[in-house]
């Protein structure tokens, strides 16, 4: 839902929009876990998240008010990266 013309075209195709918002610290933890699972070292993952992913999160987060519905995830920390899902 950025102001970019291409995103405006996408918005025009939607009956409604929903924005899922998560606290930045929770997102940071999850993003670092995803990067380390993908093979990056922990320091490299932290750098990538800080310099790339969190900038994108902030950019997109600024558009939340444009959504028809805003859903906020509760402030619960994710499971530890070593926890396995079944």
C-alpha atoms as a PDB file:
ATOM      1  CA  UNK A   1       0.000   0.000   0.000  1.00  0.00           C
ATOM      2  CA  UNK A   2       2.883   2.271  -0.767  1.00  0.00           C
ATOM      3  CA  UNK A   3       2.301   5.447  -2.767  1.00  0.00           C
ATOM      4  CA  UNK A   4       4.128   3.851  -5.689  1.00  0.00           C
ATOM      5  CA  UNK A   5       2.003   3.685  -8.853  1.00  0.00           C
ATOM      6  CA  UNK A   6       2.417  -0.082  -9.187  1.00  0.00           C
ATOM      7  CA  UNK A   7       1.050  -0.636  -5.667  1.00  0.00           C
ATOM      8  CA  UNK A   8      -1.875   1.686  -6.401  1.00  0.00           C
ATOM      9  CA  UNK A   9      -2.812  -0.636  -9.269  1.00  0.00           C
ATOM     10  CA  UNK A  10      -2.724  -3.617  -6.926  1.00  0.00           C
ATOM     11  CA  UNK A  11      -4.893  -1.800  -4.372  1.00  0.00           C
ATOM     12  CA  UNK A  12      -7.486  -1.089  -7.053  1.00  0.00           C
ATOM     13  CA  UNK A  13      -7.871  -4.859  -7.572  1.00  0.00           C
ATOM     14  CA  UNK A  14      -8.636  -5.558  -3.905  1.00  0.00           C
ATOM     15  CA  UNK A  15     -12.065  -5.538  -2.296  1.00  0.00           C
ATOM     16  CA  UNK A  16     -10.407  -4.883   1.043  1.00  0.00           C
ATOM     17  CA  UNK A  17      -6.939  -4.707   2.521  1.00  0.00           C
ATOM     18  CA  UNK A  18      -5.570  -5.988   5.803  1.00  0.00           C
ATOM     19  CA  UNK A  19      -2.388  -4.952   7.507  1.00  0.00           C
ATOM     20  CA  UNK A  20      -0.753  -7.335   9.957  1.00  0.00           C
ATOM     21  CA  UNK A  21       1.396  -5.358  12.378  1.00  0.00           C
ATOM     22  CA  UNK A  22       3.993  -6.817  14.721  1.00  0.00           C
ATOM     23  CA  UNK A  23       6.249  -5.087  17.205  1.00  0.00           C
ATOM     24  CA  UNK A  24       9.679  -4.377  15.760  1.00  0.00           C
ATOM     25  CA  UNK A  25      11.575  -6.341  18.412  1.00  0.00           C
ATOM     26  CA  UNK A  26       9.496  -9.455  17.758  1.00  0.00           C
ATOM     27  CA  UNK A  27      10.008  -9.029  14.021  1.00  0.00           C
ATOM     28  CA  UNK A  28      13.758  -8.586  14.561  1.00  0.00           C
ATOM     29  CA  UNK A  29      13.968 -11.829  16.562  1.00  0.00           C
ATOM     30  CA  UNK A  30      12.010 -13.767  13.954  1.00  0.00           C
ATOM     31  CA  UNK A  31      13.926 -12.301  11.034  1.00  0.00           C
ATOM     32  CA  UNK A  32      17.302 -13.134  12.583  1.00  0.00           C
ATOM     33  CA  UNK A  33      16.096 -16.691  13.204  1.00  0.00           C
ATOM     34  CA  UNK A  34      14.971 -16.956   9.580  1.00  0.00           C
ATOM     35  CA  UNK A  35      18.312 -15.684   8.307  1.00  0.00           C
ATOM     36  CA  UNK A  36      20.327 -18.083  10.482  1.00  0.00           C
ATOM     37  CA  UNK A  37      18.101 -20.984   9.430  1.00  0.00           C
ATOM     38  CA  UNK A  38      18.867 -19.968   5.853  1.00  0.00           C
ATOM     39  CA  UNK A  39      22.590 -20.315   6.491  1.00  0.00           C
ATOM     40  CA  UNK A  40      23.843 -16.905   7.576  1.00  0.00           C
ATOM     41  CA  UNK A  41      26.033 -16.631  10.664  1.00  0.00           C
ATOM     42  CA  UNK A  42      24.377 -14.908  13.616  1.00  0.00           C
ATOM     43  CA  UNK A  43      26.423 -11.690  13.194  1.00  0.00           C
ATOM     44  CA  UNK A  44      25.712 -11.629   9.444  1.00  0.00           C
ATOM     45  CA  UNK A  45      22.025 -12.250  10.099  1.00  0.00           C
ATOM     46  CA  UNK A  46      21.854  -9.386  12.609  1.00  0.00           C
ATOM     47  CA  UNK A  47      23.563  -7.049  10.138  1.00  0.00           C
ATOM     48  CA  UNK A  48      21.254  -8.101   7.272  1.00  0.00           C
ATOM     49  CA  UNK A  49      18.152  -7.623   9.379  1.00  0.00           C
ATOM     50  CA  UNK A  50      19.304  -4.229  10.676  1.00  0.00           C
ATOM     51  CA  UNK A  51      20.371  -2.878   7.292  1.00  0.00           C
ATOM     52  CA  UNK A  52      17.687  -4.424   5.087  1.00  0.00           C
ATOM     53  CA  UNK A  53      14.680  -6.122   6.654  1.00  0.00           C
ATOM     54  CA  UNK A  54      13.967  -3.566   9.378  1.00  0.00           C
ATOM     55  CA  UNK A  55      14.204  -0.697   6.891  1.00  0.00           C
ATOM     56  CA  UNK A  56      11.560  -2.466   4.797  1.00  0.00           C
ATOM     57  CA  UNK A  57       9.435  -3.119   7.892  1.00  0.00           C
ATOM     58  CA  UNK A  58       9.495   0.586   8.802  1.00  0.00           C
ATOM     59  CA  UNK A  59       8.678   1.639   5.245  1.00  0.00           C
ATOM     60  CA  UNK A  60       5.693  -0.666   5.027  1.00  0.00           C
ATOM     61  CA  UNK A  61       4.605  -0.056   8.627  1.00  0.00           C
ATOM     62  CA  UNK A  62       4.147   3.622   7.788  1.00  0.00           C
ATOM     63  CA  UNK A  63       1.338   2.633   5.401  1.00  0.00           C
ATOM     64  CA  UNK A  64      -0.745   0.767   8.004  1.00  0.00           C
ATOM     65  CA  UNK A  65      -3.345   3.543   8.214  1.00  0.00           C
ATOM     66  CA  UNK A  66      -4.254   2.966   4.560  1.00  0.00           C
ATOM     67  CA  UNK A  67      -5.530  -0.553   5.203  1.00  0.00           C
ATOM     68  CA  UNK A  68      -9.204  -1.298   5.657  1.00  0.00           C
ATOM     69  CA  UNK A  69      -8.356  -3.488   8.638  1.00  0.00           C
ATOM     70  CA  UNK A  70      -5.380  -3.265  10.964  1.00  0.00           C
ATOM     71  CA  UNK A  71      -4.499  -6.449  12.825  1.00  0.00           C
ATOM     72  CA  UNK A  72      -1.904  -6.247  15.577  1.00  0.00           C
ATOM     73  CA  UNK A  73      -0.124  -9.340  16.791  1.00  0.00           C
ATOM     74  CA  UNK A  74       0.032  -9.537  20.579  1.00  0.00           C
ATOM     75  CA  UNK A  75       3.437  -8.783  22.093  1.00  0.00           C
ATOM     76  CA  UNK A  76       4.508 -12.383  22.663  1.00  0.00           C
ATOM     77  CA  UNK A  77       8.035 -13.505  21.948  1.00  0.00           C
ATOM     78  CA  UNK A  78       8.383 -16.262  19.356  1.00  0.00           C
ATOM     79  CA  UNK A  79       9.641 -19.707  20.308  1.00  0.00           C
ATOM     80  CA  UNK A  80      13.383 -20.145  20.539  1.00  0.00           C
ATOM     81  CA  UNK A  81      14.976 -20.845  17.117  1.00  0.00           C
ATOM     82  CA  UNK A  82      15.952 -24.345  18.194  1.00  0.00           C
ATOM     83  CA  UNK A  83      12.305 -25.278  18.911  1.00  0.00           C
ATOM     84  CA  UNK A  84      10.920 -27.535  16.208  1.00  0.00           C
ATOM     85  CA  UNK A  85       7.387 -27.355  14.872  1.00  0.00           C
ATOM     86  CA  UNK A  86       5.493 -30.581  14.327  1.00  0.00           C
END
